[in-house]
Amino acid sequence: MKRVNSEKVQIIACGAIAREILAVRDANGLDHIDLECLPAIWHVYPEKIAPALREKIAAARAAGYGRIFIGYAECGTQGQIDKICEEEGIERIAGPHCYAFFTGTEKFLAECETEFTAFYLTDLITRQFEAFVIEPLKLDKHPELRDMVFGNYTKIVYLAQTEDKALQDKAKWAADYLGLDYEYRFTGYGDLDPALKALG
């Protein structure tokens, strides 16, 4: 085991928010923060997340990191991430999922009371819509599944972290592909920004 460096922080995060973490880190000169990611596609297989987090935490401690932070919300792990955080004495970003902390968790939860037929996109999911939505659900091979899966949704809401015209066009295309209305909301980095600044 290396000597503990109390100033160094290891963030262990979902690959779906890697760009955003690095953007906040670099914009604020948080050079003491290092990032280690698990595959973003594991949102489709949340049972893989907790065991891999335990391995990454053990590796970070062995590498001498004085502080570890989990860049995951609850993310469908049925309480497993919170259990790990409690056992290991480390923190995670607050919220049930990335849609919430990008919007601002309190605001998102309030909106959910009346917006339960919305399907949300972020920059990453928009960019990788085929890999995250179309291919796992086999909509490319079985288009008849579209209405079965998305028949109870009424709109796509694109929660944008960056103002990118190409991504806005892609999100509108995704809404058209699924036969849903489209709404654009710029969130920026939401609660992620203050959470990382607090590691300074």
C-alpha atoms as a PDB file:
ATOM      1  CA  MET A   1       0.000   0.000   0.000  1.00  0.00           C
ATOM      2  CA  LYS A   2       1.260   3.445  -0.900  1.00  0.00           C
ATOM      3  CA  ARG A   3       1.573   6.214   1.643  1.00  0.00           C
ATOM      4  CA  VAL A   4      -1.741   8.077   2.005  1.00  0.00           C
ATOM      5  CA  ASN A   5      -1.857  11.439   0.266  1.00  0.00           C
ATOM      6  CA  SER A   6      -4.556  13.377   2.113  1.00  0.00           C
ATOM      7  CA  GLU A   7      -4.747  16.031  -0.614  1.00  0.00           C
ATOM      8  CA  LYS A   8      -5.519  13.665  -3.492  1.00  0.00           C
ATOM      9  CA  VAL A   9      -9.129  12.770  -4.288  1.00  0.00           C
ATOM     10  CA  GLN A  10     -10.201   9.781  -6.361  1.00  0.00           C
ATOM     11  CA  ILE A  11     -13.621  10.050  -7.945  1.00  0.00           C
ATOM     12  CA  ILE A  12     -15.052   6.708  -8.995  1.00  0.00           C
ATOM     13  CA  ALA A  13     -17.847   7.508 -11.397  1.00  0.00           C
ATOM     14  CA  CYS A  14     -20.216   6.361 -14.061  1.00  0.00           C
ATOM     15  CA  GLY A  15     -18.703   6.772 -17.499  1.00  0.00           C
ATOM     16  CA  ALA A  16     -21.918   8.531 -18.530  1.00  0.00           C
ATOM     17  CA  ILE A  17     -20.830  11.646 -16.648  1.00  0.00           C
ATOM     18  CA  ALA A  18     -17.078  11.486 -17.277  1.00  0.00           C
ATOM     19  CA  ARG A  19     -17.049  14.465 -19.671  1.00  0.00           C
ATOM     20  CA  GLU A  20     -19.010  16.566 -17.225  1.00  0.00           C
ATOM     21  CA  ILE A  21     -16.786  15.698 -14.250  1.00  0.00           C
ATOM     22  CA  LEU A  22     -13.651  16.549 -16.212  1.00  0.00           C
ATOM     23  CA  ALA A  23     -15.208  19.795 -17.453  1.00  0.00           C
ATOM     24  CA  VAL A  24     -16.073  20.928 -13.908  1.00  0.00           C
ATOM     25  CA  ARG A  25     -12.677  19.818 -12.595  1.00  0.00           C
ATOM     26  CA  ASP A  26     -10.716  21.620 -15.281  1.00  0.00           C
ATOM     27  CA  ALA A  27     -12.841  24.786 -15.194  1.00  0.00           C
ATOM     28  CA  ASN A  28     -12.219  25.140 -11.458  1.00  0.00           C
ATOM     29  CA  GLY A  29      -8.560  24.123 -11.317  1.00  0.00           C
ATOM     30  CA  LEU A  30      -9.264  21.061  -9.200  1.00  0.00           C
ATOM     31  CA  ASP A  31      -6.017  19.401 -10.192  1.00  0.00           C
ATOM     32  CA  HIS A  32      -5.926  17.223  -7.064  1.00  0.00           C
ATOM     33  CA  ILE A  33      -8.915  15.231  -8.371  1.00  0.00           C
ATOM     34  CA  ASP A  34      -8.367  12.057 -10.393  1.00  0.00           C
ATOM     35  CA  LEU A  35     -11.162  10.238 -12.200  1.00  0.00           C
ATOM     36  CA  GLU A  36     -11.752   6.504 -12.572  1.00  0.00           C
ATOM     37  CA  CYS A  37     -14.865   5.360 -14.440  1.00  0.00           C
ATOM     38  CA  LEU A  38     -16.994   2.273 -14.795  1.00  0.00           C
ATOM     39  CA  PRO A  39     -18.680   1.619 -18.167  1.00  0.00           C
ATOM     40  CA  ALA A  40     -21.607   3.918 -18.895  1.00  0.00           C
ATOM     41  CA  ILE A  41     -23.577   1.079 -20.463  1.00  0.00           C
ATOM     42  CA  TRP A  42     -23.817  -0.572 -17.037  1.00  0.00           C
ATOM     43  CA  HIS A  43     -26.922   1.535 -16.489  1.00  0.00           C
ATOM     44  CA  VAL A  44     -28.552  -1.259 -18.455  1.00  0.00           C
ATOM     45  CA  TYR A  45     -27.009  -3.798 -16.045  1.00  0.00           C
ATOM     46  CA  PRO A  46     -27.076  -2.049 -12.627  1.00  0.00           C
ATOM     47  CA  GLU A  47     -26.271  -5.291 -10.792  1.00  0.00           C
ATOM     48  CA  LYS A  48     -22.700  -4.936 -12.080  1.00  0.00           C
ATOM     49  CA  ILE A  49     -22.123  -1.526 -10.522  1.00  0.00           C
ATOM     50  CA  ALA A  50     -21.798  -2.269  -6.785  1.00  0.00           C
ATOM     51  CA  PRO A  51     -19.292  -5.164  -7.013  1.00  0.00           C
ATOM     52  CA  ALA A  52     -17.105  -3.112  -9.361  1.00  0.00           C
ATOM     53  CA  LEU A  53     -17.273  -0.098  -7.048  1.00  0.00           C
ATOM     54  CA  ARG A  54     -15.933  -2.210  -4.183  1.00  0.00           C
ATOM     55  CA  GLU A  55     -12.986  -3.252  -6.328  1.00  0.00           C
ATOM     56  CA  LYS A  56     -12.268   0.325  -7.412  1.00  0.00           C
ATOM     57  CA  ILE A  57     -12.481   1.588  -3.827  1.00  0.00           C
ATOM     58  CA  ALA A  58     -10.002  -1.049  -2.659  1.00  0.00           C
ATOM     59  CA  ALA A  59      -7.662  -0.113  -5.504  1.00  0.00           C
ATOM     60  CA  ALA A  60      -7.918   3.602  -4.671  1.00  0.00           C
ATOM     61  CA  ARG A  61      -7.081   2.953  -1.012  1.00  0.00           C
ATOM     62  CA  ALA A  62      -4.129   0.777  -2.038  1.00  0.00           C
ATOM     63  CA  ALA A  63      -2.940   3.590  -4.298  1.00  0.00           C
ATOM     64  CA  GLY A  64      -2.855   5.992  -1.344  1.00  0.00           C
ATOM     65  CA  TYR A  65      -5.805   8.269  -2.028  1.00  0.00           C
ATOM     66  CA  GLY A  66      -6.762  10.129   1.101  1.00  0.00           C
ATOM     67  CA  ARG A  67     -10.311  10.752  -0.049  1.00  0.00           C
ATOM     68  CA  ILE A  68     -12.695   8.879  -2.327  1.00  0.00           C
ATOM     69  CA  PHE A  69     -15.935  10.204  -3.793  1.00  0.00           C
ATOM     70  CA  ILE A  70     -18.553   8.202  -5.678  1.00  0.00           C
ATOM     71  CA  GLY A  71     -19.799   9.821  -8.873  1.00  0.00           C
ATOM     72  CA  TYR A  72     -23.004   7.819  -8.975  1.00  0.00           C
ATOM     73  CA  ALA A  73     -26.489   8.632  -7.828  1.00  0.00           C
ATOM     74  CA  GLU A  74     -28.671   5.690  -6.716  1.00  0.00           C
ATOM     75  CA  CYS A  75     -28.887   4.589 -10.351  1.00  0.00           C
ATOM     76  CA  GLY A  76     -31.149   1.568  -9.941  1.00  0.00           C
ATOM     77  CA  THR A  77     -28.811  -0.373  -7.629  1.00  0.00           C
ATOM     78  CA  GLN A  78     -31.544  -0.922  -5.013  1.00  0.00           C
ATOM     79  CA  GLY A  79     -29.588   0.730  -2.239  1.00  0.00           C
ATOM     80  CA  GLN A  80     -26.310  -1.081  -2.867  1.00  0.00           C
ATOM     81  CA  ILE A  81     -24.288   2.083  -3.538  1.00  0.00           C
ATOM     82  CA  ASP A  82     -25.540   3.697  -0.341  1.00  0.00           C
ATOM     83  CA  LYS A  83     -24.680   0.519   1.564  1.00  0.00           C
ATOM     84  CA  ILE A  84     -21.132   0.638   0.206  1.00  0.00           C
ATOM     85  CA  CYS A  85     -20.770   4.327   1.035  1.00  0.00           C
ATOM     86  CA  GLU A  86     -21.925   3.722   4.609  1.00  0.00           C
ATOM     87  CA  GLU A  87     -19.611   0.756   5.088  1.00  0.00           C
ATOM     88  CA  GLU A  88     -16.618   2.523   3.544  1.00  0.00           C
ATOM     89  CA  GLY A  89     -17.250   5.956   5.089  1.00  0.00           C
ATOM     90  CA  ILE A  90     -17.335   7.765   1.754  1.00  0.00           C
ATOM     91  CA  GLU A  91     -19.797  10.081   0.033  1.00  0.00           C
ATOM     92  CA  ARG A  92     -21.645  10.009  -3.275  1.00  0.00           C
ATOM     93  CA  ILE A  93     -23.392  12.685  -5.252  1.00  0.00           C
ATOM     94  CA  ALA A  94     -26.939  13.161  -3.971  1.00  0.00           C
ATOM     95  CA  GLY A  95     -29.950  12.114  -5.990  1.00  0.00           C
ATOM     96  CA  PRO A  96     -31.721   9.099  -7.489  1.00  0.00           C
ATOM     97  CA  HIS A  97     -30.060   9.397 -10.928  1.00  0.00           C
ATOM     98  CA  CYS A  98     -28.156  11.783 -13.189  1.00  0.00           C
ATOM     99  CA  TYR A  99     -31.320  13.363 -14.598  1.00  0.00           C
ATOM    100  CA  ALA A 100     -32.069  14.589 -11.099  1.00  0.00           C
ATOM    101  CA  PHE A 101     -28.681  16.026 -10.186  1.00  0.00           C
ATOM    102  CA  PHE A 102     -28.236  17.696 -13.572  1.00  0.00           C
ATOM    103  CA  THR A 103     -31.612  19.394 -13.175  1.00  0.00           C
ATOM    104  CA  GLY A 104     -31.141  19.963  -9.463  1.00  0.00           C
ATOM    105  CA  THR A 105     -32.521  17.155  -7.329  1.00  0.00           C
ATOM    106  CA  GLU A 106     -35.218  19.129  -5.515  1.00  0.00           C
ATOM    107  CA  LYS A 107     -36.442  20.734  -8.726  1.00  0.00           C
ATOM    108  CA  PHE A 108     -36.447  17.431 -10.600  1.00  0.00           C
ATOM    109  CA  LEU A 109     -38.377  15.561  -7.916  1.00  0.00           C
ATOM    110  CA  ALA A 110     -40.967  18.333  -7.834  1.00  0.00           C
ATOM    111  CA  GLU A 111     -41.352  18.207 -11.621  1.00  0.00           C
ATOM    112  CA  CYS A 112     -41.739  14.422 -11.555  1.00  0.00           C
ATOM    113  CA  GLU A 113     -45.023  14.825  -9.733  1.00  0.00           C
ATOM    114  CA  THR A 114     -46.627  15.987 -12.980  1.00  0.00           C
ATOM    115  CA  GLU A 115     -44.140  14.768 -15.597  1.00  0.00           C
ATOM    116  CA  PHE A 116     -44.276  11.001 -15.256  1.00  0.00           C
ATOM    117  CA  THR A 117     -44.767  10.413 -18.996  1.00  0.00           C
ATOM    118  CA  ALA A 118     -41.452  12.029 -19.994  1.00  0.00           C
ATOM    119  CA  PHE A 119     -38.452  10.103 -21.285  1.00  0.00           C
ATOM    120  CA  TYR A 120     -35.252  11.971 -20.416  1.00  0.00           C
ATOM    121  CA  LEU A 121     -32.041  12.385 -22.353  1.00  0.00           C
ATOM    122  CA  THR A 122     -28.712  13.877 -21.300  1.00  0.00           C
ATOM    123  CA  ASP A 123     -25.823  14.854 -23.553  1.00  0.00           C
ATOM    124  CA  LEU A 124     -24.329  11.376 -23.296  1.00  0.00           C
ATOM    125  CA  ILE A 125     -27.560   9.481 -23.926  1.00  0.00           C
ATOM    126  CA  THR A 126     -28.349  11.762 -26.853  1.00  0.00           C
ATOM    127  CA  ARG A 127     -24.892  11.262 -28.316  1.00  0.00           C
ATOM    128  CA  GLN A 128     -25.141   7.483 -27.861  1.00  0.00           C
ATOM    129  CA  PHE A 129     -28.882   7.079 -28.438  1.00  0.00           C
ATOM    130  CA  GLU A 130     -28.412   4.105 -30.710  1.00  0.00           C
ATOM    131  CA  ALA A 131     -26.151   2.254 -28.244  1.00  0.00           C
ATOM    132  CA  PHE A 132     -28.175   3.124 -25.136  1.00  0.00           C
ATOM    133  CA  VAL A 133     -31.738   2.880 -26.413  1.00  0.00           C
ATOM    134  CA  ILE A 134     -32.191   1.455 -29.895  1.00  0.00           C
ATOM    135  CA  GLU A 135     -29.772  -1.483 -29.747  1.00  0.00           C
ATOM    136  CA  PRO A 136     -30.453  -2.774 -26.188  1.00  0.00           C
ATOM    137  CA  LEU A 137     -34.197  -2.694 -26.880  1.00  0.00           C
ATOM    138  CA  LYS A 138     -33.656  -4.172 -30.367  1.00  0.00           C
ATOM    139  CA  LEU A 139     -35.787  -1.459 -31.939  1.00  0.00           C
ATOM    140  CA  ASP A 140     -33.624  -1.564 -35.052  1.00  0.00           C
ATOM    141  CA  LYS A 141     -34.493  -5.219 -35.615  1.00  0.00           C
ATOM    142  CA  HIS A 142     -38.025  -5.156 -34.222  1.00  0.00           C
ATOM    143  CA  PRO A 143     -39.542  -1.696 -34.805  1.00  0.00           C
ATOM    144  CA  GLU A 144     -42.916  -3.015 -33.714  1.00  0.00           C
ATOM    145  CA  LEU A 145     -41.561  -2.979 -30.142  1.00  0.00           C
ATOM    146  CA  ARG A 146     -41.381   0.811 -30.188  1.00  0.00           C
ATOM    147  CA  ASP A 147     -45.015   1.386 -29.288  1.00  0.00           C
ATOM    148  CA  MET A 148     -44.975  -1.468 -26.773  1.00  0.00           C
ATOM    149  CA  VAL A 149     -42.028   0.047 -24.908  1.00  0.00           C
ATOM    150  CA  PHE A 150     -42.755   3.757 -25.336  1.00  0.00           C
ATOM    151  CA  GLY A 151     -46.522   3.750 -25.715  1.00  0.00           C
ATOM    152  CA  ASN A 152     -47.071   5.321 -22.281  1.00  0.00           C
ATOM    153  CA  TYR A 153     -44.586   8.152 -22.856  1.00  0.00           C
ATOM    154  CA  THR A 154     -45.721  11.444 -24.351  1.00  0.00           C
ATOM    155  CA  LYS A 155     -42.475  13.360 -24.835  1.00  0.00           C
ATOM    156  CA  ILE A 156     -38.707  13.337 -24.809  1.00  0.00           C
ATOM    157  CA  VAL A 157     -37.113  15.947 -22.568  1.00  0.00           C
ATOM    158  CA  TYR A 158     -33.517  16.697 -23.474  1.00  0.00           C
ATOM    159  CA  LEU A 159     -31.684  17.876 -20.338  1.00  0.00           C
ATOM    160  CA  ALA A 160     -28.659  19.483 -21.964  1.00  0.00           C
ATOM    161  CA  GLN A 161     -25.355  19.951 -20.173  1.00  0.00           C
ATOM    162  CA  THR A 162     -23.858  21.906 -23.074  1.00  0.00           C
ATOM    163  CA  GLU A 163     -25.352  24.158 -25.730  1.00  0.00           C
ATOM    164  CA  ASP A 164     -24.621  22.040 -28.779  1.00  0.00           C
ATOM    165  CA  LYS A 165     -26.756  22.457 -31.901  1.00  0.00           C
ATOM    166  CA  ALA A 166     -25.761  19.040 -33.263  1.00  0.00           C
ATOM    167  CA  LEU A 167     -26.897  17.336 -30.066  1.00  0.00           C
ATOM    168  CA  GLN A 168     -30.147  19.288 -30.083  1.00  0.00           C
ATOM    169  CA  ASP A 169     -30.778  18.055 -33.619  1.00  0.00           C
ATOM    170  CA  LYS A 170     -29.963  14.495 -32.545  1.00  0.00           C
ATOM    171  CA  ALA A 171     -32.349  14.716 -29.579  1.00  0.00           C
ATOM    172  CA  LYS A 172     -35.126  15.998 -31.853  1.00  0.00           C
ATOM    173  CA  TRP A 173     -34.393  13.097 -34.204  1.00  0.00           C
ATOM    174  CA  ALA A 174     -34.660  10.683 -31.265  1.00  0.00           C
ATOM    175  CA  ALA A 175     -38.061  12.115 -30.347  1.00  0.00           C
ATOM    176  CA  ASP A 176     -39.247  11.728 -33.922  1.00  0.00           C
ATOM    177  CA  TYR A 177     -37.866   8.171 -34.028  1.00  0.00           C
ATOM    178  CA  LEU A 178     -39.913   7.240 -30.960  1.00  0.00           C
ATOM    179  CA  GLY A 179     -42.966   9.188 -32.101  1.00  0.00           C
ATOM    180  CA  LEU A 180     -42.857  11.518 -29.090  1.00  0.00           C
ATOM    181  CA  ASP A 181     -43.091  15.267 -28.574  1.00  0.00           C
ATOM    182  CA  TYR A 182     -39.822  17.078 -27.941  1.00  0.00           C
ATOM    183  CA  GLU A 183     -38.746  19.528 -25.244  1.00  0.00           C
ATOM    184  CA  TYR A 184     -35.316  21.081 -24.714  1.00  0.00           C
ATOM    185  CA  ARG A 185     -34.040  22.245 -21.320  1.00  0.00           C
ATOM    186  CA  PHE A 186     -30.565  23.529 -20.655  1.00  0.00           C
ATOM    187  CA  THR A 187     -29.410  22.391 -17.210  1.00  0.00           C
ATOM    188  CA  GLY A 188     -25.646  22.845 -17.328  1.00  0.00           C
ATOM    189  CA  TYR A 189     -23.930  20.678 -14.724  1.00  0.00           C
ATOM    190  CA  GLY A 190     -26.548  21.200 -12.020  1.00  0.00           C
ATOM    191  CA  ASP A 191     -25.693  19.785  -8.594  1.00  0.00           C
ATOM    192  CA  LEU A 192     -22.548  18.156  -9.981  1.00  0.00           C
ATOM    193  CA  ASP A 193     -20.761  21.503  -9.993  1.00  0.00           C
ATOM    194  CA  PRO A 194     -21.081  22.323  -6.258  1.00  0.00           C
ATOM    195  CA  ALA A 195     -20.525  18.666  -5.309  1.00  0.00           C
ATOM    196  CA  LEU A 196     -17.123  18.634  -7.000  1.00  0.00           C
ATOM    197  CA  LYS A 197     -16.180  22.108  -5.789  1.00  0.00           C
ATOM    198  CA  ALA A 198     -16.767  20.862  -2.239  1.00  0.00           C
ATOM    199  CA  LEU A 199     -13.906  18.408  -2.820  1.00  0.00           C
ATOM    200  CA  GLY A 200     -11.525  21.333  -3.289  1.00  0.00           C
END
